[in-house]
Protein backbone atom coordinates (compact mmCIF):
# COMPACT_ATOMS: atom_id res chain seq x y z
CA MET A 1 0.00 0.00 0.00
CA GLY A 2 2.84 2.32 0.84
CA ARG A 3 4.47 1.70 -2.55
CA LEU A 4 1.21 2.43 -4.36
CA THR A 5 0.81 5.67 -2.41
CA ALA A 6 4.40 6.69 -3.18
CA ALA A 7 3.93 5.85 -6.87
CA TRP A 8 0.68 7.83 -6.94
CA ARG A 9 2.39 10.86 -5.44
CA ARG A 10 5.13 10.72 -8.07
CA LEU A 11 2.59 11.08 -10.86
CA ARG A 12 1.99 14.48 -12.42
CA LEU A 13 -1.11 16.35 -11.32
CA GLY A 14 -2.73 16.06 -14.76
CA THR A 15 -2.25 12.27 -14.75
CA GLN A 16 -3.66 12.00 -11.22
CA LEU A 17 -6.72 14.03 -12.16
CA ALA A 18 -7.22 12.00 -15.37
CA LEU A 19 -7.00 8.70 -13.48
CA ALA A 20 -9.34 9.98 -10.78
CA LEU A 21 -11.76 11.09 -13.49
CA GLY A 22 -11.45 7.64 -15.11
CA ALA A 23 -12.19 5.92 -11.78
CA LEU A 24 -15.24 8.11 -11.27
CA ALA A 25 -16.38 7.43 -14.83
CA LEU A 26 -15.87 3.67 -14.26
CA VAL A 27 -18.17 3.78 -11.23
CA VAL A 28 -20.77 5.78 -13.16
CA PHE A 29 -20.54 3.47 -16.18
CA GLY A 30 -20.89 0.44 -13.90
CA LEU A 31 -24.00 1.84 -12.25
CA VAL A 32 -25.49 2.76 -15.63
CA GLY A 33 -24.74 -0.74 -16.95
CA VAL A 34 -26.28 -2.47 -13.95
CA VAL A 35 -29.41 -0.30 -14.10
CA THR A 36 -29.91 -0.67 -17.88
CA THR A 37 -29.28 -4.43 -17.77
CA SER A 38 -31.72 -4.86 -14.88
CA LEU A 39 -34.39 -2.84 -16.67
CA LEU A 40 -33.88 -4.80 -19.90
CA HIS A 41 -34.06 -8.11 -17.98
CA GLN A 42 -37.33 -7.07 -16.36
CA TYR A 43 -38.70 -6.01 -19.72
CA LEU A 44 -37.74 -9.31 -21.39
CA ASP A 45 -39.20 -11.31 -18.48
CA THR A 46 -42.48 -9.44 -18.88
CA LYS A 47 -42.48 -10.02 -22.63
CA LEU A 48 -41.74 -13.73 -22.14
CA SER A 49 -44.62 -14.03 -19.68
CA ASP A 50 -46.93 -12.31 -22.17
CA GLN A 51 -45.81 -14.67 -24.94
CA LEU A 52 -46.32 -17.66 -22.68
CA SER A 53 -49.83 -16.48 -21.86
CA THR A 54 -50.64 -16.02 -25.56
CA THR A 55 -49.16 -19.37 -26.57
CA LEU A 56 -50.92 -21.10 -23.68
CA GLY A 57 -54.27 -19.73 -24.77
CA GLN A 58 -53.65 -20.94 -28.33
CA PHE A 59 -52.57 -24.37 -27.11
CA LYS A 60 -55.62 -24.65 -24.84
CA ALA A 61 -57.97 -23.82 -27.68
CA THR A 62 -56.40 -25.74 -30.59
CA GLY A 63 -53.98 -28.18 -29.06
CA ASN A 64 -51.18 -26.80 -31.24
CA VAL A 65 -48.19 -24.56 -30.48
CA ASN A 66 -46.87 -21.97 -32.91
CA PRO A 67 -43.31 -23.10 -33.69
CA SER A 68 -42.25 -19.44 -34.18
CA PRO A 69 -43.57 -17.35 -31.31
CA GLY A 70 -41.94 -14.24 -32.78
CA LYS A 71 -39.40 -13.56 -30.07
CA PHE A 72 -37.06 -10.78 -31.10
CA GLY A 73 -33.42 -11.49 -31.66
CA HIS A 74 -33.73 -14.15 -34.33
CA GLY A 75 -35.04 -14.06 -37.84
CA SER A 76 -36.07 -17.66 -38.55
CA VAL A 77 -37.68 -20.66 -36.85
CA ALA A 78 -34.42 -22.58 -36.89
CA ASP A 79 -32.83 -19.88 -34.69
CA HIS A 80 -35.25 -20.58 -31.82
CA ASP A 81 -35.20 -23.28 -29.22
CA PRO A 82 -38.39 -25.27 -29.94
CA PRO A 83 -41.44 -24.50 -27.81
CA VAL A 84 -42.82 -27.21 -25.56
CA GLY A 85 -46.49 -28.16 -25.38
CA VAL A 86 -47.63 -30.91 -23.00
CA THR A 87 -51.10 -32.08 -21.90
CA VAL A 88 -51.38 -33.57 -18.45
CA GLU A 89 -54.50 -35.68 -17.67
CA PHE A 90 -55.50 -36.71 -14.20
CA SER A 91 -58.00 -39.60 -13.95
CA PRO A 92 -59.50 -41.39 -10.93
CA GLY A 93 -57.14 -43.73 -9.19
CA ASN A 94 -54.25 -41.24 -9.26
CA ASN A 95 -53.57 -42.02 -12.87
CA VAL A 96 -51.53 -39.35 -14.65
CA LYS A 97 -50.92 -39.20 -18.38
CA LEU A 98 -48.57 -36.84 -20.24
CA THR A 99 -49.23 -36.22 -23.90
CA ASP A 100 -46.53 -34.39 -25.91
CA SER A 101 -48.02 -32.08 -28.49
CA THR A 102 -44.68 -30.92 -29.90
CA SER A 103 -41.24 -32.30 -30.50
CA HIS A 104 -38.99 -30.97 -27.80
CA PRO A 105 -35.95 -31.79 -25.70
CA PRO A 106 -36.46 -34.19 -22.79
CA VAL A 107 -38.21 -32.56 -19.85
CA ASP A 108 -38.49 -33.70 -16.24
CA GLY A 109 -42.09 -34.96 -16.18
CA LYS A 110 -42.36 -34.83 -12.42
CA GLN A 111 -41.86 -31.05 -12.42
CA LEU A 112 -44.51 -30.65 -15.15
CA ILE A 113 -46.98 -32.83 -13.20
CA ALA A 114 -46.31 -30.73 -10.08
CA LEU A 115 -46.92 -27.54 -12.09
CA ALA A 116 -50.16 -29.02 -13.51
CA ALA A 117 -51.32 -29.95 -10.02
CA ARG A 118 -50.77 -26.35 -8.93
CA ALA A 119 -52.87 -25.15 -11.87
CA LEU A 120 -55.77 -27.38 -10.79
CA VAL A 121 -55.95 -25.70 -7.39
CA SER A 122 -55.33 -22.17 -8.75
CA SER A 123 -58.03 -19.76 -9.80
CA PRO A 124 -58.83 -19.61 -13.51
CA LEU A 125 -57.20 -16.22 -13.78
CA GLN A 126 -53.94 -17.36 -12.27
CA HIS A 127 -51.44 -19.25 -14.38
CA PRO A 128 -48.65 -20.69 -12.30
CA GLU A 129 -45.15 -20.57 -13.76
CA GLN A 130 -42.03 -22.62 -13.16
CA GLU A 131 -38.56 -22.76 -14.64
CA VAL A 132 -37.46 -26.23 -15.76
CA GLU A 133 -34.32 -27.51 -17.47
CA ALA A 134 -34.96 -29.12 -20.87
CA GLY A 135 -32.02 -30.48 -22.81
CA GLY A 136 -29.62 -28.23 -20.99
CA VAL A 137 -31.72 -25.15 -21.79
CA ARG A 138 -33.73 -23.26 -19.23
CA TYR A 139 -37.41 -23.11 -20.06
CA ARG A 140 -40.20 -21.22 -18.45
CA PHE A 141 -43.44 -23.21 -18.23
CA MET A 142 -46.98 -21.97 -17.64
CA ALA A 143 -50.01 -24.17 -16.93
CA VAL A 144 -53.79 -23.69 -17.19
CA THR A 145 -56.71 -26.04 -16.55
CA SER A 146 -58.63 -26.90 -19.74
CA VAL A 147 -60.99 -29.67 -18.39
CA ASN A 148 -61.94 -30.08 -14.77
CA THR A 149 -64.59 -32.79 -14.18
CA PRO A 150 -64.84 -35.44 -11.53
CA LEU A 151 -63.85 -38.11 -14.04
CA LEU A 152 -61.18 -36.18 -15.98
CA LYS A 153 -58.97 -33.32 -15.27
CA ARG A 154 -56.86 -31.99 -18.12
CA VAL A 155 -54.15 -29.32 -17.81
CA ALA A 156 -52.36 -27.59 -20.72
CA VAL A 157 -48.68 -26.87 -20.05
CA VAL A 158 -46.61 -24.69 -22.40
CA GLY A 159 -42.91 -23.82 -22.12
CA LEU A 160 -40.76 -21.29 -23.95
CA SER A 161 -36.99 -21.16 -23.86
CA GLU A 162 -35.26 -18.38 -21.89
CA GLY A 163 -32.20 -18.74 -24.10
CA ASP A 164 -33.19 -15.75 -26.22
CA THR A 165 -33.62 -13.61 -23.12
CA GLU A 166 -30.29 -14.72 -21.68
CA ALA A 167 -28.56 -14.23 -25.05
CA THR A 168 -29.97 -10.73 -25.31
CA ILE A 169 -28.79 -9.93 -21.80
CA ARG A 170 -25.33 -11.29 -22.57
CA ARG A 171 -25.15 -9.23 -25.74
CA MET A 172 -26.32 -6.20 -23.78
CA ILE A 173 -23.59 -6.77 -21.18
CA MET A 174 -20.98 -7.26 -23.89
CA VAL A 175 -22.07 -4.11 -25.71
CA ASN A 176 -21.94 -2.19 -22.44
CA LEU A 177 -18.48 -3.51 -21.61
CA VAL A 178 -17.07 -2.69 -25.04
CA THR A 179 -18.79 0.69 -25.29
CA PHE A 180 -17.98 1.76 -21.76
CA GLY A 181 -14.42 0.45 -22.08
CA ILE A 182 -13.79 2.46 -25.22
CA ALA A 183 -15.48 5.50 -23.69
CA LEU A 184 -13.37 5.12 -20.55
CA VAL A 185 -10.10 4.91 -22.49
CA VAL A 186 -11.07 7.90 -24.65
CA LEU A 187 -12.16 9.84 -21.57
CA VAL A 188 -8.87 9.19 -19.75
CA LEU A 189 -6.67 9.98 -22.76
CA VAL A 190 -8.61 13.05 -23.89
CA GLY A 191 -9.10 14.18 -20.29
CA GLN A 192 -5.36 13.90 -19.67
CA GLN A 193 -4.63 16.10 -22.68
CA VAL A 194 -7.30 18.61 -21.70
CA LEU A 195 -6.05 18.71 -18.11
CA ARG A 196 -2.45 19.01 -19.28
CA ARG A 197 -3.44 21.92 -21.46
CA GLY A 198 -5.39 23.50 -18.61
CA LEU A 199 -2.48 23.00 -16.20
CA ARG A 200 0.06 24.47 -18.63
CA PRO A 201 -0.02 27.85 -16.80
CA LEU A 202 1.07 26.02 -13.64
CA ALA A 203 3.92 24.45 -15.59
CA ASP A 204 4.92 27.91 -16.80
CA MET A 205 4.92 29.20 -13.23
CA SER A 206 6.97 26.17 -12.17
CA SER A 207 9.51 26.96 -14.90
CA THR A 208 9.64 30.57 -13.75
CA ALA A 209 10.13 29.42 -10.14
CA HIS A 210 13.03 27.18 -11.22
CA THR A 211 14.56 30.12 -13.05
CA VAL A 212 14.30 32.27 -9.92
CA ALA A 213 15.67 29.44 -7.77
CA SER A 214 18.67 29.03 -10.09
CA THR A 215 19.47 32.75 -9.91
CA ASP A 216 22.31 33.72 -7.59
CA LEU A 217 20.57 36.15 -5.27
CA THR A 218 23.83 36.89 -3.46
CA ALA A 219 25.44 38.41 -6.53
CA LYS A 220 26.14 42.12 -6.64
CA SER A 221 23.75 42.59 -9.57
CA VAL A 222 20.67 40.33 -9.71
CA ASP A 223 18.36 40.20 -12.73
CA LEU A 224 14.85 39.13 -11.74
CA SER A 225 13.02 40.43 -14.77
CA VAL A 226 11.47 36.99 -15.41
CA ARG A 227 7.74 36.80 -14.76
CA ALA A 228 5.04 34.15 -15.15
CA LYS A 229 3.27 34.90 -18.40
CA GLY A 230 0.39 33.39 -20.32
CA GLU A 231 -3.36 33.39 -20.08
CA GLY A 232 -6.12 30.96 -19.28
CA GLY A 233 -6.44 28.38 -16.56
CA GLY A 234 -9.47 29.89 -14.87
CA ILE A 235 -9.90 32.50 -12.18
CA GLU A 236 -7.94 30.50 -9.60
CA VAL A 237 -4.90 30.15 -11.88
CA GLU A 238 -5.10 33.86 -12.77
CA GLU A 239 -5.11 34.75 -9.08
CA LEU A 240 -2.19 32.40 -8.45
CA ARG A 241 -0.25 33.86 -11.40
CA SER A 242 -0.92 37.39 -10.16
CA ALA A 243 0.14 36.52 -6.60
CA PHE A 244 3.24 34.74 -7.96
CA ASN A 245 4.28 37.78 -10.00
CA VAL A 246 3.59 40.09 -7.05
CA MET A 247 5.86 37.89 -4.93
CA ILE A 248 8.64 38.08 -7.53
CA ASP A 249 8.15 41.86 -7.74
CA HIS A 250 8.47 42.05 -3.98
CA ILE A 251 11.65 39.96 -4.06
CA ASP A 252 13.02 42.07 -6.90
CA HIS A 253 12.28 45.32 -5.09
CA SER A 254 13.75 43.90 -1.87
CA LEU A 255 16.94 42.92 -3.70
CA VAL A 256 17.14 46.36 -5.30
CA ALA A 257 16.63 47.96 -1.89
CA ARG A 258 19.23 45.65 -0.36
CA SER A 259 21.69 46.45 -3.13
CA ALA A 260 21.04 50.16 -2.67
CA ALA A 261 21.48 49.81 1.09
CA GLU A 262 24.72 47.94 0.61
CA GLN A 263 25.89 50.59 -1.82
CA ARG A 264 24.97 53.31 0.68
CA LEU A 265 26.79 51.40 3.39
CA ARG A 266 29.90 51.08 1.26
CA GLN A 267 29.68 54.76 0.37
CA PHE A 268 29.09 55.61 4.04
CA VAL A 269 32.15 53.62 5.13
CA ALA A 270 34.23 55.24 2.40
CA ASP A 271 33.00 58.73 3.30
CA ALA A 272 33.44 58.15 7.02
CA SER A 273 36.94 56.81 6.46
CA HIS A 274 37.75 59.81 4.32
CA GLU A 275 36.32 62.24 6.85
CA LEU A 276 38.17 60.62 9.75
CA ARG A 277 41.41 60.23 7.84
CA THR A 278 41.71 63.96 7.18
CA PRO A 279 41.79 65.14 10.84
CA LEU A 280 43.91 62.15 11.84
CA THR A 281 46.43 63.02 9.13
CA SER A 282 46.41 66.63 10.29
CA ILE A 283 46.94 65.60 13.91
CA ARG A 284 49.82 63.31 12.93
CA GLY A 285 51.40 66.08 10.90
CA TYR A 286 51.06 68.66 13.65
CA ALA A 287 52.40 66.13 16.16
CA ASP A 288 55.51 65.72 14.04
CA LEU A 289 55.85 69.49 13.76
CA PHE A 290 55.33 69.79 17.50
CA ALA A 291 58.12 67.30 18.17
CA TYR A 292 60.38 69.25 15.85
CA ALA A 293 59.41 72.60 17.35
CA ALA A 294 59.58 71.42 20.97
CA ALA A 295 63.25 72.27 21.13
CA ASN A 296 62.72 75.64 19.49
CA GLU A 297 60.31 78.48 20.22
CA PRO A 298 57.45 78.07 22.75
CA ALA A 299 55.11 80.11 20.54
CA GLU A 300 55.55 77.61 17.72
CA ARG A 301 54.67 74.75 20.07
CA GLU A 302 51.48 76.48 21.23
CA ARG A 303 50.40 77.09 17.66
CA HIS A 304 50.80 73.40 16.77
CA LEU A 305 48.97 72.32 19.92
CA ALA A 306 46.08 74.64 19.04
CA ARG A 307 45.86 73.09 15.56
CA MET A 308 45.83 69.56 17.02
CA ARG A 309 43.07 70.53 19.45
CA GLU A 310 41.10 72.03 16.57
CA GLU A 311 41.37 68.84 14.46
CA ALA A 312 40.55 66.65 17.48
CA GLY A 313 37.48 68.76 18.19
CA ARG A 314 36.37 68.46 14.59
CA MET A 315 36.82 64.67 14.70
CA SER A 316 34.85 64.59 17.95
CA LEU A 317 31.96 66.45 16.31
CA LEU A 318 32.01 64.02 13.40
CA LEU A 319 31.90 61.03 15.71
CA ASP A 320 29.09 62.60 17.74
CA ASP A 321 27.02 63.07 14.58
CA LEU A 322 27.72 59.52 13.44
CA LEU A 323 26.73 58.13 16.82
CA LEU A 324 23.54 60.18 16.83
CA LEU A 325 22.56 58.98 13.35
CA ALA A 326 23.30 55.36 14.28
CA ARG A 327 21.09 55.57 17.36
CA LEU A 328 18.30 57.19 15.37
CA ASP A 329 18.54 54.46 12.71
CA ALA A 330 18.38 51.79 15.41
CA ALA A 331 15.12 53.26 16.78
CA GLU A 332 17.01 54.26 19.90
CA ALA A 333 16.29 57.94 19.48
CA PRO A 334 18.22 59.82 22.14
CA LEU A 335 15.32 62.19 22.74
CA ARG A 336 14.10 63.57 26.02
CA PRO A 337 10.68 64.94 25.12
CA GLU A 338 9.05 67.55 27.29
CA PRO A 339 6.66 70.48 26.79
CA VAL A 340 8.56 73.24 25.00
CA ASP A 341 7.86 76.48 23.15
CA LEU A 342 9.38 76.42 19.68
CA ILE A 343 9.47 80.21 19.57
CA GLU A 344 11.76 80.39 22.61
CA ILE A 345 14.10 77.86 20.99
CA ALA A 346 14.03 79.82 17.71
CA VAL A 347 14.88 83.10 19.48
CA ALA A 348 17.88 81.45 21.17
CA ALA A 349 19.04 79.98 17.86
CA ALA A 350 18.67 83.39 16.17
CA ASP A 351 20.74 85.08 18.85
CA GLY A 352 23.48 82.48 18.48
CA PHE A 353 23.47 82.81 14.70
CA GLN A 354 23.71 86.59 14.77
CA ALA A 355 26.63 86.41 17.19
CA ALA A 356 28.51 83.80 15.16
CA ARG A 357 27.66 85.09 11.66
CA PRO A 358 27.62 88.88 11.76
CA ASP A 359 28.47 89.04 8.04
CA HIS A 360 24.99 87.65 7.09
CA PRO A 361 21.99 89.96 7.51
CA PHE A 362 19.45 88.06 9.59
CA ALA A 363 15.70 88.42 10.20
CA LEU A 364 13.39 86.54 12.59
CA GLU A 365 9.71 86.55 11.60
CA VAL A 366 7.23 85.11 14.12
CA GLU A 367 3.48 85.05 13.53
CA PRO A 368 2.04 83.50 16.74
CA SER A 369 3.07 84.49 20.22
CA THR A 370 3.73 80.90 21.25
CA LEU A 371 4.16 77.48 19.60
CA PRO A 372 3.82 74.82 22.31
CA MET A 373 4.80 71.27 21.39
CA ILE A 374 6.32 68.12 22.84
CA GLY A 375 9.99 67.65 21.97
CA ASP A 376 13.60 67.56 23.06
CA PRO A 377 14.66 71.21 23.37
CA MET A 378 18.34 70.44 22.81
CA ARG A 379 17.66 68.45 19.62
CA LEU A 380 15.18 71.04 18.34
CA ARG A 381 17.82 73.71 18.84
CA GLN A 382 20.29 71.47 16.96
CA VAL A 383 17.86 71.28 14.04
CA LEU A 384 17.55 75.06 13.76
CA ASP A 385 21.28 75.62 14.30
CA ASN A 386 22.18 73.15 11.54
CA LEU A 387 19.78 74.77 9.08
CA LEU A 388 21.00 78.28 9.87
CA THR A 389 24.64 77.21 9.67
CA ASN A 390 23.99 75.46 6.35
CA ALA A 391 22.44 78.67 4.97
CA ALA A 392 25.47 80.69 6.06
CA VAL A 393 28.28 78.42 4.91
CA HIS A 394 26.85 77.85 1.41
CA THR A 395 26.24 81.53 0.64
CA ASP A 396 28.55 84.46 0.27
CA PRO A 397 28.89 87.08 3.03
CA GLY A 398 26.13 89.65 2.84
CA THR A 399 23.51 87.12 1.77
CA PRO A 400 20.34 87.61 3.86
CA VAL A 401 19.08 84.71 5.99
CA THR A 402 15.56 84.56 7.42
CA LEU A 403 13.94 82.33 10.07
CA ARG A 404 10.13 82.30 9.99
CA LEU A 405 7.75 80.57 12.40
CA ARG A 406 4.03 80.04 11.84
CA THR A 407 1.22 77.53 12.34
CA GLU A 408 -0.46 75.46 9.65
CA LEU A 409 -3.40 73.10 10.33
CA GLY A 410 -2.07 71.62 13.57
CA TRP A 411 1.58 71.92 12.64
CA ALA A 412 4.32 74.19 13.87
CA VAL A 413 6.21 75.35 10.79
CA ALA A 414 9.76 76.72 10.80
CA GLU A 415 11.29 78.03 7.58
CA VAL A 416 14.96 78.87 7.04
CA ALA A 417 15.41 80.90 3.84
CA ASP A 418 18.41 82.47 2.21
CA GLY A 419 19.03 84.49 -0.94
CA GLY A 420 21.96 82.42 -2.17
CA PRO A 421 22.60 80.87 -5.61
CA GLY A 422 20.22 77.99 -4.95
CA ILE A 423 20.58 74.22 -5.32
CA SER A 424 20.20 72.42 -8.64
CA PRO A 425 17.26 69.97 -9.01
CA GLU A 426 19.55 66.94 -9.27
CA ASN A 427 21.21 67.88 -5.99
CA GLN A 428 18.00 68.70 -4.14
CA ALA A 429 17.03 65.03 -4.04
CA ARG A 430 20.28 64.12 -2.26
CA VAL A 431 21.00 66.97 0.10
CA PHE A 432 19.75 64.92 3.07
CA ASP A 433 22.07 61.98 2.25
CA ARG A 434 24.93 61.43 4.64
CA PHE A 435 28.26 62.94 3.66
CA TYR A 436 26.68 64.36 0.51
CA ARG A 437 28.00 67.73 -0.63
CA VAL A 438 27.01 69.73 -3.63
CA ASP A 439 30.70 70.49 -4.00
CA ASP A 440 32.26 67.19 -5.14
CA SER A 441 35.74 68.50 -4.45
CA ARG A 442 35.09 68.15 -0.69
CA THR A 443 36.35 71.66 0.03
CA ARG A 444 36.11 72.34 3.74
CA ARG A 445 36.06 76.09 3.76
CA SER A 446 33.30 75.86 6.36
CA GLY A 447 34.74 72.97 8.31
CA GLY A 448 31.54 70.94 7.77
CA THR A 449 31.30 67.15 7.67
CA GLY A 450 28.41 66.68 5.24
CA LEU A 451 26.18 65.31 8.05
CA GLY A 452 24.34 68.45 9.12
CA LEU A 453 21.24 68.02 6.92
CA SER A 454 21.20 64.24 7.55
CA VAL A 455 21.02 64.94 11.28
CA VAL A 456 18.24 67.47 10.65
CA HIS A 457 16.21 64.95 8.65
CA SER A 458 16.64 62.18 11.23
CA LEU A 459 15.81 64.39 14.23
CA VAL A 460 12.75 65.90 12.56
CA THR A 461 11.50 62.42 11.64
CA ALA A 462 12.11 61.23 15.21
CA HIS A 463 9.87 64.09 16.43
CA GLY A 464 7.08 62.96 14.06
CA GLY A 465 7.67 65.83 11.64
CA ALA A 466 8.94 66.32 8.10
CA VAL A 467 11.47 68.52 6.36
CA THR A 468 11.26 69.66 2.73
CA LEU A 469 13.34 71.80 0.40
CA GLN A 470 12.44 74.32 -2.28
CA SER A 471 15.24 76.03 -4.11
CA ARG A 472 15.84 78.26 -7.11
CA PRO A 473 18.47 80.87 -7.86
CA GLY A 474 18.08 83.64 -5.29
CA ALA A 475 15.76 81.73 -2.93
CA THR A 476 16.39 78.52 -1.00
CA VAL A 477 13.86 77.51 1.71
CA PHE A 478 14.07 74.57 4.13
CA THR A 479 10.65 73.97 5.69
CA VAL A 480 10.34 71.94 8.90
CA ARG A 481 6.97 70.84 10.28
CA PHE A 482 6.42 69.60 13.84
CA PRO A 483 3.09 68.44 15.28
CA LEU A 484 1.66 70.92 17.75
CA SER A 485 0.52 69.87 21.19
CA ALA A 486 -3.21 69.18 21.65
CA ARG A 487 -3.98 72.43 23.45
CA GLN A 488 -2.60 74.49 20.56
CA VAL A 489 -4.33 72.52 17.80
């Protein structure tokens, strides 16, 4: 049984369905054959009884039996088993006499006498029947009383062969077997082809799945452009094909995203290494100069120490920004939210900017008197400081810078605008990337690290807000939106 089950499971789905359909058809054909054969048998039995009744009436009236009763299935008298006509006479003294009226195979007389005796005690409308073997052929006999007096009792007994009925039934069974057998073979073969054609979309999807499985998904560049194509198969197959293609699309997009993330990581490592290498190189160089100048003038030593402290401070700021971004990416936002007023933070940032950048005309424009919200005051100040510093370092001295605060449908909005040369459209999409600079030469006139706007974007997102950029020559505006607290909304 286990081997049959294993062999069945190794068959293709189309073959399994075709065989199952053949088994079902075999059961249906069997039931149809049994029912039709039974109905035909009942019909032939009824016809034989009617013929017996007709022949018996003729024999009772004339004493003769028609040698060709007209049973269907044969065309001549010679094709029929001969009918049997016997007269049974009962006389006083238990004398019984059988008179053969036809030439027929030998019949058991005792059974005919017993049938005749039953006819004597039956009503005139009842004709008892009995099956008797005659010459190896089964006959059906019927008896009726023709004379019933105290001195003589005569009974007419007629028998007709059941061979024609049995032959017809056998031919019916043979026809059913041949017809149903041919129909079953045709059904299985044609059904297998039809099912194979209907299951072709599944085979196409299987081929596509093998193609995907054979693709090296760990390669640097992965091509997953293959999709399950084709039509037909029904609604279920269409849904499966659609879901299959959606899955491949999802895998493809995930691989593209993974490749992009890996590329960003490689770029990040390269940029971080470059940014860290520069101050380290400077520190090493100034250390060598310090060692050389240690035996010389004290003023020279102090100058080199100041440069080393400056480079170390710059490297410390870079590492602080990197650590902050890493914690924000890991959903470990180093925020200490509390109720704050964004206007107070903006005023402090404006004062610091004016003190540090006196060469840039500055304006603070505030519409409401207060902008209460929930946030980390130190990180909010860092956001505004980074935006103001970015506006100053990327514009020439004398370029005006403006900080505006307003409300907008439940949001606190801060805008930092400058009148500089603007940012090109291709660079606007990347200004929030880490270590990205519009100036590819990595000039550090401002001492920046290329992380200021990345920190702004991450901190604003951590506060539940959003930052956008609009820029054209003569007007660059960074817009930051923070959700207001419930009492202000």
